[in-house]
Every structure is written in structure tokens, then in C-alpha cells.
Amino acid sequence: MKGERMGRLPILAVLTSFVNILPLCLLAQNSPQDYLKLHNAARAIVGVEPLVWDSELESYANKFLSRHTVDCLRVEQIQYTLYGRNFASYDSSFENFSGADAVASWVEQRQNYDYKSNSCIDGTPTCLTYIQVVSKASTHLGCARVKCINGDTLVGCYYHPAPIAGQRPY
């Protein structure tokens, strides 16, 4: 009996390890923790409190993105909401584009933000995604990622409360 249990232990350990690793492979940097980690790292740099994951915002983001799998957000008008939000759309050549990649691209826009003037350096709204990520007004976050019918990837994050227009983010 003791020898029989010992023989099963390695198989059980391998199976348990596989089950623990499997979700990480499937999520590919698209889990709530992945979104939060990158957002909160950027917020820590500027001294802003960390965001908390909100499953209702995640559901809202998922529903919104799911309605845009045909156009992949290539529309002129996106309806107003009570939430702050960021979107990223990447063509199918970025096959493994993750939610974490989208957040990293928004944070990268920090280089285009001038705190002193509270505006984007180049005069275009390129830094607004960064401002949304680090806004002290927002306390909660929910994000989602979908594949569009054409193979492109669409990522969206919703923030609550929304930042106040014109207010410095930190």
C-alpha cells in the first residue's frame, strides 16, 4: 500500500503542476492581476494610490468590446459613459497581443505628457491614455480583451470614477 501511494505521488504532482500552470498559459497576461500590476506600477511611480479590480467594470468592458467584434472599434463615434476608459486595437500581425501589452502602450505615453502644462507635448491627445492610467480620481478598474472577426485584438479598460477633465492626474 505504501509503495502504491508513492507511485501515484509523482503523477499527482505533475498533474497538479500542469493544472496550476495551464491557466497562466491560457490567460497570457490578460488576468485581472496582469492589468492591475501594470496600472499600479505606473501609479506608484507618481505617488497615486493603487486601483482595485471591479468585476462589474470588467463585465461592462467585456459587453462593450463584444459588441464591437465586427468593426473592432473602427467607428467614428463612441458613446459617452460615466466611466473613464482606454481602448487599444491591434491588427492580426500582433498575434499574441495581450491586455498587459495594451496597458504598457498606454503607460508608454508618459513621454508625451507635460505635468507643468498638464497637456500632451505634441498638442495631440496621445498622452490621454497615460493620464487615464495614473489619474488619482480613479479608484477601480475593470478590463477585457476580445478577438475581432477579422483577427485583430481589441482591449478595453474602464475606470471609476472617471477623471475630471482638465484636472491634473496626480
Protein backbone atom coordinates (compact mmCIF):
# COMPACT_ATOMS: atom_id res chain seq x y z
CA MET A 1 0.00 0.00 0.00
CA LYS A 2 2.77 2.43 0.92
CA GLY A 3 4.64 1.65 -2.32
CA GLU A 4 1.42 2.03 -4.31
CA ARG A 5 0.79 5.53 -2.88
CA MET A 6 4.39 6.55 -3.55
CA GLY A 7 4.00 5.53 -7.21
CA ARG A 8 0.99 7.80 -7.66
CA LEU A 9 2.59 10.80 -5.97
CA PRO A 10 4.80 11.89 -8.91
CA ILE A 11 1.86 11.64 -11.32
CA LEU A 12 -0.28 13.68 -8.94
CA ALA A 13 2.49 16.28 -8.58
CA VAL A 14 2.88 16.59 -12.36
CA LEU A 15 -0.88 16.83 -12.84
CA THR A 16 -1.17 19.46 -10.09
CA SER A 17 1.70 21.45 -11.60
CA PHE A 18 0.09 21.29 -15.04
CA VAL A 19 -3.27 22.44 -13.67
CA ASN A 20 -1.56 25.33 -11.87
CA ILE A 21 0.36 26.40 -14.99
CA LEU A 22 -2.45 25.85 -17.51
CA PRO A 23 -4.50 28.92 -16.55
CA LEU A 24 -1.38 31.09 -16.83
CA CYS A 25 -0.83 29.86 -20.38
CA LEU A 26 -4.44 30.44 -21.33
CA LEU A 27 -4.58 33.90 -19.78
CA ALA A 28 -1.35 35.05 -21.44
CA GLN A 29 -1.13 38.28 -19.44
CA ASN A 30 -4.84 39.00 -19.60
CA SER A 31 -5.81 38.32 -15.98
CA PRO A 32 -7.06 40.98 -13.58
CA GLN A 33 -3.72 40.74 -11.76
CA ASP A 34 -1.84 41.48 -15.01
CA TYR A 35 -3.89 44.59 -15.70
CA LEU A 36 -3.63 45.77 -12.09
CA LYS A 37 0.09 45.11 -11.80
CA LEU A 38 0.98 47.39 -14.72
CA HIS A 39 -1.55 50.09 -13.84
CA ASN A 40 -0.47 50.16 -10.21
CA ALA A 41 3.24 50.18 -11.05
CA ALA A 42 2.72 53.31 -13.17
CA ARG A 43 0.61 54.87 -10.42
CA ALA A 44 3.24 54.11 -7.77
CA ILE A 45 5.87 55.99 -9.77
CA VAL A 46 3.82 59.20 -9.48
CA GLY A 47 2.58 58.54 -5.93
CA VAL A 48 -1.04 57.66 -6.71
CA GLU A 49 -2.96 55.05 -4.71
CA PRO A 50 -3.37 51.64 -6.40
CA LEU A 51 -6.50 50.69 -8.29
CA VAL A 52 -8.80 47.88 -7.13
CA TRP A 53 -10.28 45.36 -9.56
CA ASP A 54 -14.02 45.72 -10.13
CA SER A 55 -15.82 42.77 -11.71
CA GLU A 56 -18.77 44.98 -12.73
CA LEU A 57 -16.42 47.23 -14.73
CA GLU A 58 -14.84 44.11 -16.23
CA SER A 59 -18.28 42.90 -17.28
CA TYR A 60 -19.11 46.32 -18.70
CA ALA A 61 -15.85 46.33 -20.70
CA ASN A 62 -16.48 42.79 -21.93
CA LYS A 63 -20.03 43.60 -23.07
CA PHE A 64 -18.89 46.77 -24.84
CA LEU A 65 -15.99 45.06 -26.62
CA SER A 66 -18.15 42.07 -27.57
CA ARG A 67 -20.49 44.44 -29.40
CA HIS A 68 -17.53 45.63 -31.47
CA THR A 69 -16.01 42.36 -32.69
CA VAL A 70 -17.22 43.16 -36.23
CA ASP A 71 -15.94 46.76 -36.51
CA CYS A 72 -13.10 46.30 -33.99
CA LEU A 73 -13.78 49.86 -32.77
CA ARG A 74 -13.10 51.37 -36.15
CA VAL A 75 -16.03 53.71 -35.74
CA GLU A 76 -16.03 57.46 -35.53
CA GLN A 77 -18.29 57.86 -32.51
CA ILE A 78 -18.10 56.02 -29.20
CA GLN A 79 -20.95 56.80 -26.83
CA TYR A 80 -20.31 58.73 -23.64
CA THR A 81 -20.24 56.79 -20.37
CA LEU A 82 -19.88 57.68 -16.71
CA TYR A 83 -16.57 55.83 -16.67
CA GLY A 84 -13.10 56.74 -17.81
CA ARG A 85 -11.80 54.32 -20.42
CA ASN A 86 -8.90 53.32 -22.60
CA PHE A 87 -9.00 51.20 -25.74
CA ALA A 88 -6.37 49.56 -27.87
CA SER A 89 -6.87 47.79 -31.17
CA TYR A 90 -4.07 45.81 -32.77
CA ASP A 91 -4.11 44.11 -36.11
CA SER A 92 -3.70 40.39 -36.50
CA SER A 93 0.04 40.71 -37.20
CA PHE A 94 0.34 41.19 -33.41
CA GLU A 95 -0.94 37.65 -32.89
CA ASN A 96 -0.20 37.38 -29.18
CA PHE A 97 -1.07 40.94 -28.20
CA SER A 98 -2.20 40.80 -24.57
CA GLY A 99 -4.04 43.10 -22.23
CA ALA A 100 -0.73 43.71 -20.48
CA ASP A 101 0.74 44.86 -23.82
CA ALA A 102 -2.11 47.34 -24.21
CA VAL A 103 -1.56 48.77 -20.73
CA ALA A 104 2.19 49.02 -21.38
CA SER A 105 1.47 51.01 -24.56
CA TRP A 106 -0.77 53.41 -22.61
CA VAL A 107 1.87 53.86 -19.89
CA GLU A 108 4.50 54.48 -22.58
CA GLN A 109 2.60 57.65 -23.50
CA ARG A 110 4.02 59.21 -20.31
CA GLN A 111 6.82 60.53 -22.50
CA ASN A 112 4.24 62.72 -24.28
CA TYR A 113 2.78 64.23 -21.09
CA ASP A 114 3.99 67.54 -19.62
CA TYR A 115 2.93 67.83 -15.99
CA LYS A 116 3.73 71.53 -15.76
CA SER A 117 1.28 72.47 -18.52
CA ASN A 118 -0.97 69.46 -17.83
CA SER A 119 -1.10 68.72 -21.54
CA CYS A 120 0.27 66.48 -24.23
CA ILE A 121 3.63 67.68 -25.51
CA ASP A 122 2.83 67.33 -29.19
CA GLY A 123 -0.57 69.02 -28.92
CA THR A 124 -2.46 65.87 -29.88
CA PRO A 125 -4.32 63.64 -27.42
CA THR A 126 -1.60 60.97 -27.49
CA CYS A 127 -0.93 61.19 -23.74
CA LEU A 128 -4.56 60.90 -22.65
CA THR A 129 -4.34 57.14 -22.24
CA TYR A 130 -1.43 57.61 -19.81
CA ILE A 131 -3.35 60.30 -17.91
CA GLN A 132 -6.26 57.86 -17.53
CA VAL A 133 -3.97 55.12 -16.16
CA VAL A 134 -2.46 57.34 -13.44
CA SER A 135 -5.46 59.55 -12.60
CA LYS A 136 -5.83 59.95 -8.83
CA ALA A 137 -9.58 60.38 -9.35
CA SER A 138 -9.99 56.72 -10.35
CA THR A 139 -10.05 54.01 -7.69
CA HIS A 140 -11.46 50.98 -9.54
CA LEU A 141 -10.58 49.18 -12.75
CA GLY A 142 -12.14 46.56 -14.99
CA CYS A 143 -10.69 45.37 -18.31
CA ALA A 144 -11.43 42.90 -21.07
CA ARG A 145 -9.87 41.61 -24.28
CA VAL A 146 -11.57 40.17 -27.36
CA LYS A 147 -10.60 38.91 -30.78
CA CYS A 148 -12.38 40.66 -33.60
CA ILE A 149 -13.85 38.77 -36.52
CA ASN A 150 -11.01 39.99 -38.75
CA GLY A 151 -8.42 38.53 -36.33
CA ASP A 152 -7.46 41.84 -34.73
CA THR A 153 -7.28 42.16 -30.95
CA LEU A 154 -9.29 44.71 -29.01
CA VAL A 155 -8.52 45.63 -25.38
CA GLY A 156 -10.52 47.98 -23.20
CA CYS A 157 -10.30 49.16 -19.61
CA TYR A 158 -12.91 51.11 -17.68
CA TYR A 159 -12.05 53.31 -14.69
CA HIS A 160 -14.32 54.54 -11.90
CA PRO A 161 -14.76 57.24 -11.05
CA ALA A 162 -13.78 58.94 -14.27
CA PRO A 163 -11.12 61.64 -14.04
CA ILE A 164 -12.30 65.22 -14.09
CA ALA A 165 -11.43 66.91 -17.38
CA GLY A 166 -8.57 69.36 -17.00
CA GLN A 167 -7.62 68.16 -13.52
CA ARG A 168 -4.01 67.07 -13.06
CA PRO A 169 -3.84 63.29 -12.86
CA TYR A 170 -1.56 63.29 -9.79
